[in-house]
C-alpha cells in the first residue's frame, strides 16, 4: 500500500501534549496491525539538541544510530515500542545546513536558493525518508511549536504541499489545541481554538481532526461549536481532558474512537483487534495502593524534571513491575556540596546518579556515591554516575581526594577517568561523542549478568570520557568488579561493587531502552535490591 501520513500541528500554546498524543495515536495504529513510525520536526536553528542545556530543552534522547534528539522521541519509542533513527528528528538547522552544502557544491546549477521550493523540498525529502528507512506503512509527523510561529512556517508549508504530493487519500491533518478555562466565570472558551484553526487555514491547511485539550470536561455542545466554526466533522472533534496518569492516555484515546476515525479517513481496515490488556494492567497497577520506595535522584538539573525524563520513566517501569510506588526525592548535587539535602539522602531507600556534563555539582555526586557505599544503600550510576562511583572508590583506596576525572581536573595525579584517545583533538562539540548502540560482554556471576540473564548486550551511549585501564587492577583489589566490557576488553562498560547489596554503574544509558510493559533489567535489579531492603526493615 502507499505510505500514509498523519501530520500533527499545535495551536494556542506550546506544551499542549502533541508529543504524547502522537505517541498514543502511534500505539493505536500499531495495535491495529500497522507498521508505524513517528517523526518530530523541530523549528529551532540548532542542528540538534546535543549542545543545548537541559534547562533549555529537557533531556537529550539518544537513538540506536547515535542521533541526539528531542525528548518527544522517547515518548514515541516507549509508547509504540519501536526503535527510531536519525531521520525521525529534523531541525531547521539540519535543513539549512544541507541546502547550503548543496549550493556550495553547485548542485543547484547556479540557481537562486529560496525557501520555496528549496527549503520545503528538503523538508519533504526528509519526511519521505522515514518510510524508506523504517519500512513504516503509516508515518506520523509532529511539528514543534504552535501555528503562527515564524520559524515553523517552512515546515507548515511543506506539510501543505505533501497533500498534493501524496494525495488526500494518503494524508491527514490533526490539530491539537488548548481550550482554556476562565476561573472567574467557570467557562471553557473555544475562541482561541477558532483563531488557531483560522491561522492554520490561512496557510492552506484545513484540519481533518481537532483534538481539544483541556483541564476540565468538555460537553458535547462545545465540541459541536468547534466543529461548526472550524469546519470539521462533529465526531472528528475529540475532547481530551488532562490525564492523571501518563500511561492512561492511549486507553483514553482508544475510547474516543480515534483509531477508527483515522483508518476510515485513510481508507484502511484494521488487520487485528487491539489488545490493551497489558496497558490496562499497567494502569491498574499504577492506581493500586502499594508500598513506597523513596529513590533519590542526585543530579545537576533537578529543577527541571524533564532533564531526567527517561530515567524517571525507567524507574517507574521497574517499580510498577515489582509492586512498588516510586517516590522521587530530587536532590541538587550542588546542594550536597554545601551540606544541604543530606537529610533527603538519608531518607532514600535507593540512590540514582544520572548523567551530566561539566564540573558543577560533581563533589555532591561523589558524596552520594560514598554515602551509598558506606551505608549499603542500593545505587545505580548512569554514565557520569558510574564515573563518580569510580572516582569515589579511588579516593577511598588511595586515601587521596585528588583522584578525579580529567574532565573536572586536567592536572589530577590520579586520572581514573580520562578522555578517550580518539577524542583528544576534537574541538567541535556537536555529535562528536561516543554515541549510539554498542555491544558489551558481561562477566558471568556478576550482578549485571544476573540482571540481564545473558552474556552479551547492546546499549546506547552518550559520553566522551572513559575509565582509565591502568587503574583496573588497583580498584579490583578495593572490591570493584568490571562486569561489563567492550568485546575487545578495551573499554569498561559496567562497574559494580562485589560486597554490596547493589552498587552498579554503567557507562551507557540503560534508561533509553526501558519500556512501560518491559522494564530495563538493570533498573529491575536496582529496584529489587531496594525492595529487599524494605522487606528486611519491615
Protein backbone atom coordinates (compact mmCIF):
# COMPACT_ATOMS: atom_id res chain seq x y z
CA UNK A 1 0.00 0.00 0.00
CA UNK A 2 1.02 3.64 -0.38
CA UNK A 3 2.60 5.22 2.69
CA UNK A 4 0.00 7.08 4.76
CA UNK A 5 0.95 10.33 6.50
CA UNK A 6 -0.66 11.86 9.58
CA UNK A 7 0.50 15.42 10.33
CA UNK A 8 0.08 16.90 13.82
CA UNK A 9 0.17 20.65 14.43
CA UNK A 10 -0.39 22.60 17.64
CA UNK A 11 -2.34 25.69 18.48
CA UNK A 12 -2.93 28.32 21.20
CA UNK A 13 0.01 27.34 23.47
CA UNK A 14 3.04 25.08 23.37
CA UNK A 15 3.43 22.07 25.68
CA UNK A 16 -0.17 21.15 24.96
CA UNK A 17 0.71 17.46 24.66
CA UNK A 18 1.29 16.93 20.93
CA UNK A 19 4.20 14.58 21.56
CA UNK A 20 2.30 12.28 23.90
CA UNK A 21 -0.75 12.48 21.62
CA UNK A 22 1.35 11.44 18.62
CA UNK A 23 2.81 8.58 20.65
CA UNK A 24 -0.64 7.43 21.78
CA UNK A 25 -2.00 7.55 18.22
CA UNK A 26 1.03 5.58 17.06
CA UNK A 27 0.18 2.91 19.63
CA UNK A 28 -3.46 2.84 18.48
CA UNK A 29 -2.38 2.17 14.91
CA UNK A 30 0.20 -0.45 15.91
CA UNK A 31 -2.47 -2.25 17.95
CA UNK A 32 -4.48 -2.48 14.74
CA UNK A 33 -1.65 -4.27 12.96
CA UNK A 34 0.18 -1.50 11.10
CA UNK A 35 3.89 -0.71 10.93
CA UNK A 36 4.20 2.79 12.41
CA UNK A 37 6.96 5.37 12.72
CA UNK A 38 6.92 8.91 14.10
CA UNK A 39 8.94 11.98 13.15
CA UNK A 40 9.45 15.26 15.04
CA UNK A 41 10.03 18.46 13.07
CA UNK A 42 11.73 20.98 15.36
CA UNK A 43 11.82 24.57 14.05
CA UNK A 44 14.86 25.70 16.08
CA UNK A 45 18.08 26.51 14.21
CA UNK A 46 20.32 24.27 16.32
CA UNK A 47 21.36 21.22 14.30
CA UNK A 48 20.19 19.02 17.17
CA UNK A 49 19.67 19.37 20.94
CA UNK A 50 23.05 17.74 21.65
CA UNK A 51 24.77 21.02 22.54
CA UNK A 52 21.74 22.58 24.25
CA UNK A 53 21.49 22.96 28.02
CA UNK A 54 18.95 20.59 29.61
CA UNK A 55 17.39 23.71 31.12
CA UNK A 56 16.52 24.79 27.56
CA UNK A 57 15.09 21.61 26.13
CA UNK A 58 14.96 18.84 28.72
CA UNK A 59 16.89 15.63 28.22
CA UNK A 60 18.72 14.72 25.02
CA UNK A 61 17.29 11.41 23.87
CA UNK A 62 19.79 9.17 22.03
CA UNK A 63 18.76 6.64 19.37
CA UNK A 64 20.38 3.36 18.28
CA UNK A 65 22.23 5.09 15.43
CA UNK A 66 23.63 7.76 17.77
CA UNK A 67 21.30 10.59 16.80
CA UNK A 68 20.85 13.14 19.60
CA UNK A 69 17.16 14.03 19.51
CA UNK A 70 14.23 15.72 21.20
CA UNK A 71 12.77 14.08 24.31
CA UNK A 72 9.47 13.51 22.47
CA UNK A 73 11.20 10.68 20.61
CA UNK A 74 11.45 8.98 23.99
CA UNK A 75 7.65 9.14 24.28
CA UNK A 76 7.33 7.74 20.75
CA UNK A 77 9.65 4.80 21.43
CA UNK A 78 8.20 3.98 24.87
CA UNK A 79 4.54 4.14 23.82
CA UNK A 80 4.81 2.43 20.43
CA UNK A 81 7.70 0.12 21.44
CA UNK A 82 9.75 0.83 18.31
CA UNK A 83 13.31 1.90 17.54
CA UNK A 84 13.58 5.14 15.60
CA UNK A 85 16.52 6.51 13.60
CA UNK A 86 18.15 9.85 12.82
CA UNK A 87 15.66 10.86 10.12
CA UNK A 88 12.93 10.85 12.78
CA UNK A 89 14.10 14.20 14.21
CA UNK A 90 14.51 17.09 11.78
CA UNK A 91 15.53 20.63 12.71
CA UNK A 92 15.72 23.89 10.81
CA UNK A 93 19.48 23.76 11.37
CA UNK A 94 19.76 20.38 9.61
CA UNK A 95 17.63 21.51 6.70
CA UNK A 96 19.50 24.75 6.05
CA UNK A 97 22.90 23.08 6.54
CA UNK A 98 22.01 20.52 3.85
CA UNK A 99 20.65 23.10 1.40
CA UNK A 100 23.64 25.41 1.86
CA UNK A 101 26.05 22.49 1.42
CA UNK A 102 24.33 21.59 -1.87
CA UNK A 103 24.52 25.20 -3.02
CA UNK A 104 28.26 25.33 -2.24
CA UNK A 105 28.80 22.16 -4.25
CA UNK A 106 26.95 23.66 -7.20
CA UNK A 107 24.09 21.14 -7.07
CA UNK A 108 21.57 23.84 -7.92
CA UNK A 109 23.44 24.86 -11.12
CA UNK A 110 23.76 28.49 -10.12
CA UNK A 111 20.08 28.97 -9.32
CA UNK A 112 18.74 31.34 -6.67
CA UNK A 113 18.09 29.40 -3.45
CA UNK A 114 14.74 30.18 -1.84
CA UNK A 115 12.56 28.92 0.99
CA UNK A 116 10.11 27.70 -1.64
CA UNK A 117 10.94 25.35 -3.28
CA UNK A 118 14.43 24.51 -1.96
CA UNK A 119 13.89 24.51 1.81
CA UNK A 120 10.43 22.95 1.59
CA UNK A 121 11.70 20.31 -0.84
CA UNK A 122 14.42 19.33 1.63
CA UNK A 123 11.85 19.09 4.44
CA UNK A 124 9.63 16.88 2.28
CA UNK A 125 12.61 14.70 1.32
CA UNK A 126 13.32 14.10 4.98
CA UNK A 127 9.68 13.28 5.70
CA UNK A 128 9.68 10.66 2.92
CA UNK A 129 12.94 9.20 4.25
CA UNK A 130 11.14 7.90 7.35
CA UNK A 131 9.17 5.26 5.45
CA UNK A 132 12.19 4.38 3.30
CA UNK A 133 14.47 3.76 6.28
CA UNK A 134 11.99 2.21 8.73
CA UNK A 135 9.57 0.38 6.44
CA UNK A 136 6.65 2.15 8.12
CA UNK A 137 3.26 1.97 6.45
CA UNK A 138 1.93 4.92 8.46
CA UNK A 139 4.18 7.87 9.35
CA UNK A 140 3.10 10.38 11.98
CA UNK A 141 4.78 13.77 11.71
CA UNK A 142 4.66 16.21 14.62
CA UNK A 143 5.60 19.87 14.11
CA UNK A 144 7.09 21.51 17.21
CA UNK A 145 5.76 24.82 18.48
CA UNK A 146 2.44 26.38 17.57
CA UNK A 147 0.77 27.71 14.45
CA UNK A 148 1.79 31.32 13.99
CA UNK A 149 5.43 30.84 14.99
CA UNK A 150 7.61 32.45 12.31
CA UNK A 151 10.22 29.69 12.47
CA UNK A 152 7.60 27.00 11.86
CA UNK A 153 6.22 28.43 8.60
CA UNK A 154 8.51 26.49 6.20
CA UNK A 155 7.54 23.22 7.90
CA UNK A 156 3.82 24.00 7.66
CA UNK A 157 4.21 24.95 4.01
CA UNK A 158 5.97 21.63 3.39
CA UNK A 159 3.09 19.82 5.10
CA UNK A 160 0.60 21.71 2.92
CA UNK A 161 2.49 20.62 -0.19
CA UNK A 162 2.64 17.00 0.98
CA UNK A 163 -1.09 16.54 0.48
CA UNK A 164 -0.69 17.47 -3.18
CA UNK A 165 2.32 15.18 -3.49
CA UNK A 166 0.87 12.03 -1.90
CA UNK A 167 -2.83 12.68 -2.43
CA UNK A 168 -5.66 13.44 0.03
CA UNK A 169 -6.34 9.71 0.43
CA UNK A 170 -2.84 9.25 1.87
CA UNK A 171 -2.65 12.29 4.16
CA UNK A 172 -4.50 13.55 7.20
CA UNK A 173 -4.10 16.66 9.35
CA UNK A 174 -4.67 16.66 13.12
CA UNK A 175 -4.64 19.94 15.02
CA UNK A 176 -4.04 19.72 18.78
CA UNK A 177 -5.32 22.82 20.51
CA UNK A 178 -5.90 24.16 24.00
CA UNK A 179 -9.30 25.07 25.41
CA UNK A 180 -8.67 27.40 28.39
CA UNK A 181 -10.83 27.58 31.49
CA UNK A 182 -11.78 31.03 32.76
CA UNK A 183 -11.84 30.82 36.53
CA UNK A 184 -13.94 33.93 37.11
CA UNK A 185 -16.87 32.61 35.06
CA UNK A 186 -16.18 28.87 35.29
CA UNK A 187 -16.32 28.57 31.49
CA UNK A 188 -14.27 26.76 28.86
CA UNK A 189 -13.56 29.04 25.90
CA UNK A 190 -13.33 27.81 22.30
CA UNK A 191 -12.41 31.17 20.76
CA UNK A 192 -8.62 30.57 20.94
CA UNK A 193 -9.14 27.29 19.09
CA UNK A 194 -11.16 29.07 16.41
CA UNK A 195 -8.40 31.66 15.93
CA UNK A 196 -5.76 28.94 15.81
CA UNK A 197 -7.61 26.99 13.12
CA UNK A 198 -8.20 30.19 11.15
CA UNK A 199 -4.43 30.83 11.24
CA UNK A 200 -3.77 27.28 10.06
CA UNK A 201 -6.29 27.57 7.23
CA UNK A 202 -4.74 30.85 6.12
CA UNK A 203 -1.56 28.85 5.50
CA UNK A 204 -3.53 26.40 3.37
CA UNK A 205 -4.08 23.54 5.81
CA UNK A 206 -7.58 22.58 6.91
CA UNK A 207 -7.53 20.11 9.81
CA UNK A 208 -9.39 16.84 9.39
CA UNK A 209 -9.39 16.18 13.14
CA UNK A 210 -9.21 18.58 16.08
CA UNK A 211 -8.06 17.32 19.47
CA UNK A 212 -9.33 19.78 22.04
CA UNK A 213 -7.16 19.62 25.16
CA UNK A 214 -8.39 21.00 28.46
CA UNK A 215 -8.11 20.57 32.22
CA UNK A 216 -11.88 20.22 32.53
CA UNK A 217 -14.53 18.03 30.94
CA UNK A 218 -15.97 19.44 27.72
CA UNK A 219 -19.64 18.99 26.92
CA UNK A 220 -20.92 17.95 23.50
CA UNK A 221 -22.20 21.47 22.98
CA UNK A 222 -18.64 22.87 22.96
CA UNK A 223 -17.45 20.12 20.61
CA UNK A 224 -20.30 20.91 18.25
CA UNK A 225 -19.40 24.60 18.40
CA UNK A 226 -15.76 23.87 17.47
CA UNK A 227 -16.94 21.63 14.61
CA UNK A 228 -19.25 24.36 13.28
CA UNK A 229 -16.78 27.24 13.44
CA UNK A 230 -13.75 25.22 12.32
CA UNK A 231 -15.49 23.32 9.51
CA UNK A 232 -14.69 19.88 10.93
CA UNK A 233 -17.00 16.86 11.16
CA UNK A 234 -18.62 16.69 14.62
CA UNK A 235 -17.22 13.26 15.52
CA UNK A 236 -13.75 14.45 14.43
CA UNK A 237 -13.61 16.94 17.31
CA UNK A 238 -12.03 14.87 20.06
CA UNK A 239 -12.10 16.28 23.62
CA UNK A 240 -9.10 15.19 25.69
CA UNK A 241 -9.05 16.08 29.36
CA UNK A 242 -5.68 16.19 31.13
CA UNK A 243 -4.95 12.69 32.39
CA UNK A 244 -3.68 11.93 35.88
CA UNK A 245 -1.50 9.07 34.59
CA UNK A 246 0.75 9.30 31.54
CA UNK A 247 0.23 5.68 30.50
CA UNK A 248 -3.54 6.01 30.68
CA UNK A 249 -3.52 8.30 27.63
CA UNK A 250 -3.51 5.57 24.92
CA UNK A 251 -6.50 3.96 26.66
CA UNK A 252 -8.32 7.29 26.81
CA UNK A 253 -7.58 7.98 23.14
CA UNK A 254 -8.86 4.49 22.25
CA UNK A 255 -12.18 5.27 23.94
CA UNK A 256 -12.68 8.30 21.68
CA UNK A 257 -12.85 6.05 18.59
CA UNK A 258 -9.85 7.95 17.22
CA UNK A 259 -8.35 4.79 15.71
CA UNK A 260 -11.50 4.01 13.73
CA UNK A 261 -11.80 7.61 12.51
CA UNK A 262 -8.20 7.73 11.28
CA UNK A 263 -8.33 4.39 9.45
CA UNK A 264 -11.62 5.33 7.82
CA UNK A 265 -10.20 8.65 6.59
CA UNK A 266 -7.09 6.91 5.24
CA UNK A 267 -9.08 4.15 3.54
CA UNK A 268 -7.68 1.38 5.75
CA UNK A 269 -9.18 -1.55 7.61
CA UNK A 270 -7.75 -2.89 10.87
CA UNK A 271 -5.68 -6.06 10.47
CA UNK A 272 -6.24 -7.24 14.02
CA UNK A 273 -8.24 -6.45 17.13
CA UNK A 274 -6.40 -4.18 19.58
CA UNK A 275 -5.12 -5.87 22.73
CA UNK A 276 -4.98 -3.34 25.53
CA UNK A 277 -4.74 -5.86 28.40
CA UNK A 278 -1.03 -5.14 29.17
CA UNK A 279 -1.73 -1.40 29.28
CA UNK A 280 -4.88 -1.85 31.36
CA UNK A 281 -2.90 -3.99 33.79
CA UNK A 282 -0.20 -1.30 33.92
CA UNK A 283 -2.72 1.45 34.74
CA UNK A 284 -4.47 -0.76 37.33
CA UNK A 285 -1.10 -1.33 38.98
CA UNK A 286 -0.42 2.43 38.99
CA UNK A 287 -3.76 3.04 40.72
CA UNK A 288 -3.32 0.26 43.28
CA UNK A 289 -2.10 1.16 46.76
CA UNK A 290 1.43 -0.18 47.14
CA UNK A 291 4.50 0.10 49.37
CA UNK A 292 6.53 3.22 48.58
CA UNK A 293 10.20 3.18 47.70
CA UNK A 294 11.94 6.52 48.10
CA UNK A 295 14.50 6.96 45.33
CA UNK A 296 16.95 9.87 45.49
CA UNK A 297 17.82 11.41 42.12
CA UNK A 298 21.10 13.26 42.69
CA UNK A 299 21.50 15.48 39.64
CA UNK A 300 22.68 18.83 38.35
CA UNK A 301 19.44 19.87 36.65
CA UNK A 302 16.80 18.67 39.10
CA UNK A 303 14.88 21.97 38.93
CA UNK A 304 13.68 20.79 35.50
CA UNK A 305 12.38 17.24 35.89
CA UNK A 306 12.22 16.82 32.10
CA UNK A 307 16.03 16.78 32.11
CA UNK A 308 15.72 13.25 33.54
CA UNK A 309 12.55 12.15 31.72
CA UNK A 310 13.80 8.71 30.61
CA UNK A 311 15.47 7.94 33.96
CA UNK A 312 12.29 8.85 35.80
CA UNK A 313 10.15 6.69 33.50
CA UNK A 314 12.56 3.72 33.61
CA UNK A 315 12.45 3.87 37.42
CA UNK A 316 8.66 3.89 37.33
CA UNK A 317 8.51 0.94 34.89
CA UNK A 318 10.66 -1.20 37.18
CA UNK A 319 8.92 -0.13 40.39
CA UNK A 320 5.47 -0.93 39.00
CA UNK A 321 6.54 -4.37 37.81
CA UNK A 322 7.70 -5.14 41.38
CA UNK A 323 4.56 -3.83 43.05
CA UNK A 324 6.13 -0.61 44.33
CA UNK A 325 5.31 3.08 44.18
CA UNK A 326 8.38 5.16 43.45
CA UNK A 327 8.65 8.47 45.26
CA UNK A 328 11.41 10.56 43.70
CA UNK A 329 13.49 12.67 46.09
CA UNK A 330 15.02 15.38 43.89
CA UNK A 331 18.42 16.37 45.31
CA UNK A 332 20.58 19.01 43.68
CA UNK A 333 24.16 17.79 43.69
CA UNK A 334 25.42 21.33 44.28
CA UNK A 335 23.35 21.44 47.49
CA UNK A 336 25.08 18.32 48.80
CA UNK A 337 28.41 20.10 48.39
CA UNK A 338 27.15 22.79 50.76
CA UNK A 339 25.69 20.36 53.30
CA UNK A 340 22.10 20.79 52.13
CA UNK A 341 19.87 17.89 51.08
CA UNK A 342 21.74 15.38 53.26
CA UNK A 343 18.55 14.59 55.20
CA UNK A 344 16.82 13.62 51.92
CA UNK A 345 19.72 11.34 51.05
CA UNK A 346 19.36 9.70 54.46
CA UNK A 347 15.65 9.14 53.81
CA UNK A 348 16.31 7.36 50.49
CA UNK A 349 15.80 3.63 50.01
CA UNK A 350 17.88 3.81 46.85
CA UNK A 351 20.08 6.34 45.04
CA UNK A 352 20.31 7.06 41.32
CA UNK A 353 23.02 9.36 39.99
CA UNK A 354 22.19 10.17 36.35
CA UNK A 355 24.38 11.58 33.59
CA UNK A 356 25.57 15.12 33.05
CA UNK A 357 28.45 17.27 31.85
CA UNK A 358 30.74 19.83 33.47
CA UNK A 359 32.34 20.37 36.88
CA UNK A 360 29.41 21.96 38.72
CA UNK A 361 27.93 19.70 41.39
CA UNK A 362 30.39 16.83 40.87
CA UNK A 363 31.55 16.70 44.51
CA UNK A 364 27.90 16.36 45.53
CA UNK A 365 27.51 13.34 43.28
CA UNK A 366 30.70 11.83 44.71
CA UNK A 367 29.26 12.41 48.19
CA UNK A 368 26.12 10.46 47.16
CA UNK A 369 28.25 7.56 45.88
CA UNK A 370 30.25 7.50 49.13
CA UNK A 371 27.07 7.52 51.22
CA UNK A 372 25.64 4.59 49.20
CA UNK A 373 28.86 2.55 49.51
CA UNK A 374 29.37 3.13 53.22
CA UNK A 375 25.71 2.55 54.16
CA UNK A 376 24.88 -0.34 51.81
CA UNK A 377 22.18 1.70 50.05
CA UNK A 378 21.30 0.37 46.57
CA UNK A 379 22.94 2.63 43.98
CA UNK A 380 22.58 2.92 40.22
CA UNK A 381 25.02 5.21 38.40
CA UNK A 382 24.31 6.19 34.81
CA UNK A 383 27.22 7.39 32.66
CA UNK A 384 28.62 10.19 34.84
CA UNK A 385 27.02 8.32 37.74
CA UNK A 386 29.38 5.41 37.07
CA UNK A 387 32.37 7.73 36.76
CA UNK A 388 31.78 9.44 40.13
CA UNK A 389 31.37 5.99 41.71
CA UNK A 390 34.84 5.08 40.36
CA UNK A 391 36.33 8.41 41.50
CA UNK A 392 34.88 7.94 44.99
CA UNK A 393 36.33 4.44 45.41
CA UNK A 394 39.71 5.59 44.04
CA UNK A 395 39.84 8.39 46.62
CA UNK A 396 38.98 5.92 49.37
CA UNK A 397 41.51 3.32 48.21
CA UNK A 398 44.35 5.79 47.57
CA UNK A 399 43.44 7.95 50.57
CA UNK A 400 43.79 10.92 48.23
CA UNK A 401 40.98 13.34 47.39
CA UNK A 402 42.84 14.44 44.28
CA UNK A 403 41.78 11.31 42.35
CA UNK A 404 39.44 12.64 39.69
CA UNK A 405 38.38 12.80 36.07
CA UNK A 406 40.43 14.95 33.71
CA UNK A 407 37.11 16.48 32.66
CA UNK A 408 36.99 18.22 36.04
CA UNK A 409 40.69 18.39 36.96
CA UNK A 410 43.08 18.14 33.96
CA UNK A 411 46.09 18.07 36.29
CA UNK A 412 44.86 15.35 38.67
CA UNK A 413 47.67 12.97 39.73
CA UNK A 414 45.19 10.06 39.59
CA UNK A 415 43.13 10.37 36.37
CA UNK A 416 40.88 7.35 36.92
CA UNK A 417 38.53 8.79 34.28
CA UNK A 418 40.14 10.25 31.18
CA UNK A 419 39.38 11.42 27.67
CA UNK A 420 39.03 8.65 25.10
CA UNK A 421 42.12 8.62 22.83
CA UNK A 422 40.09 9.36 19.69
CA UNK A 423 38.50 12.39 21.38
CA UNK A 424 41.69 14.28 22.24
CA UNK A 425 41.98 16.52 19.18
CA UNK A 426 38.28 17.26 18.70
CA UNK A 427 37.12 20.85 19.03
CA UNK A 428 33.60 20.60 17.56
CA UNK A 429 31.09 19.83 20.33
CA UNK A 430 28.17 18.56 18.22
CA UNK A 431 27.82 14.83 17.62
CA UNK A 432 31.48 14.05 18.40
CA UNK A 433 30.99 11.81 21.43
CA UNK A 434 30.68 8.04 21.57
CA UNK A 435 27.05 7.90 20.56
CA UNK A 436 24.51 5.16 19.94
CA UNK A 437 24.32 1.40 20.29
CA UNK A 438 27.48 -0.53 21.20
CA UNK A 439 27.97 -4.18 22.26
CA UNK A 440 29.04 -5.23 25.75
CA UNK A 441 30.19 -8.60 27.14
CA UNK A 442 29.06 -9.44 30.67
CA UNK A 443 31.13 -11.33 33.24
CA UNK A 444 29.38 -14.47 34.48
CA UNK A 445 28.37 -14.45 38.12
CA UNK A 446 28.15 -10.66 38.28
CA UNK A 447 25.07 -8.72 39.33
CA UNK A 448 24.92 -7.29 35.80
CA UNK A 449 24.88 -10.75 34.20
CA UNK A 450 22.26 -11.93 36.71
CA UNK A 451 20.07 -8.93 35.91
CA UNK A 452 20.24 -9.37 32.14
CA UNK A 453 20.16 -13.16 32.16
CA UNK A 454 22.58 -13.31 29.23
CA UNK A 455 26.24 -12.68 28.47
CA UNK A 456 26.05 -10.20 25.58
CA UNK A 457 24.06 -6.96 25.34
CA UNK A 458 23.77 -3.80 23.25
CA UNK A 459 23.18 -0.42 24.89
CA UNK A 460 23.03 3.25 23.90
CA UNK A 461 25.93 5.56 24.80
CA UNK A 462 26.50 9.31 25.05
CA UNK A 463 29.87 10.26 26.53
CA UNK A 464 33.36 11.48 25.80
CA UNK A 465 35.34 10.23 28.84
CA UNK A 466 36.15 6.63 29.85
CA UNK A 467 37.58 4.62 32.74
CA UNK A 468 41.40 4.60 32.59
CA UNK A 469 42.54 0.99 32.34
CA UNK A 470 45.77 1.43 34.31
CA UNK A 471 43.58 1.59 37.47
CA UNK A 472 41.66 -1.63 36.83
CA UNK A 473 43.79 -3.91 38.98
CA UNK A 474 44.02 -1.43 41.86
CA UNK A 475 40.26 -0.90 42.03
CA UNK A 476 39.59 -4.63 41.74
CA UNK A 477 41.66 -5.10 44.92
CA UNK A 478 39.42 -2.48 46.57
CA UNK A 479 36.31 -4.56 45.79
CA UNK A 480 35.21 -3.27 42.40
CA UNK A 481 34.31 -5.71 39.63
CA UNK A 482 34.35 -4.67 35.99
CA UNK A 483 31.38 -6.76 34.99
CA UNK A 484 30.75 -5.33 31.53
CA UNK A 485 33.46 -4.78 28.92
CA UNK A 486 33.60 -3.95 25.23
CA UNK A 487 34.14 -7.10 23.09
CA UNK A 488 37.85 -6.23 22.73
CA UNK A 489 38.16 -5.77 26.54
CA UNK A 490 39.44 -2.22 25.97
CA UNK A 491 36.55 -0.25 27.45
CA UNK A 492 34.83 -0.62 30.81
CA UNK A 493 31.07 -0.52 30.30
CA UNK A 494 29.81 -1.66 33.73
CA UNK A 495 31.43 -1.44 37.16
CA UNK A 496 29.95 -2.83 40.36
CA UNK A 497 30.90 -3.35 43.99
CA UNK A 498 31.21 -7.02 44.98
CA UNK A 499 30.34 -6.83 48.68
CA UNK A 500 27.32 -4.57 48.39
CA UNK A 501 23.57 -5.30 48.01
CA UNK A 502 23.56 -3.43 44.68
CA UNK A 503 26.04 -0.76 43.70
CA UNK A 504 26.42 -0.69 39.95
CA UNK A 505 27.34 1.94 37.38
CA UNK A 506 27.06 1.87 33.60
CA UNK A 507 28.99 3.91 31.05
CA UNK A 508 25.92 3.69 28.81
CA UNK A 509 22.34 4.94 29.30
CA UNK A 510 20.04 1.96 30.01
CA UNK A 511 17.08 4.28 30.58
CA UNK A 512 16.66 4.76 26.82
CA UNK A 513 15.70 1.11 26.29
CA UNK A 514 13.16 0.76 29.11
CA UNK A 515 9.51 0.26 28.12
CA UNK A 516 6.32 0.57 30.22
CA UNK A 517 5.46 -3.13 29.93
CA UNK A 518 9.09 -4.30 29.62
CA UNK A 519 11.29 -2.63 32.26
CA UNK A 520 15.04 -2.47 31.76
CA UNK A 521 16.91 -5.32 33.54
CA UNK A 522 19.32 -3.02 35.41
CA UNK A 523 16.53 -0.82 36.77
CA UNK A 524 14.73 -4.03 37.78
CA UNK A 525 17.86 -5.29 39.54
CA UNK A 526 18.26 -1.96 41.34
CA UNK A 527 14.60 -1.83 42.46
CA UNK A 528 14.70 -5.50 43.56
CA UNK A 529 17.58 -4.61 45.89
CA UNK A 530 15.56 -1.64 47.16
CA UNK A 531 12.54 -3.89 47.75
CA UNK A 532 14.66 -6.47 49.57
CA UNK A 533 15.93 -3.75 51.90
CA UNK A 534 12.38 -2.55 52.54
CA UNK A 535 11.22 -6.09 53.30
CA UNK A 536 14.12 -6.69 55.69
CA UNK A 537 13.29 -3.50 57.59
CA UNK A 538 9.58 -4.27 57.95
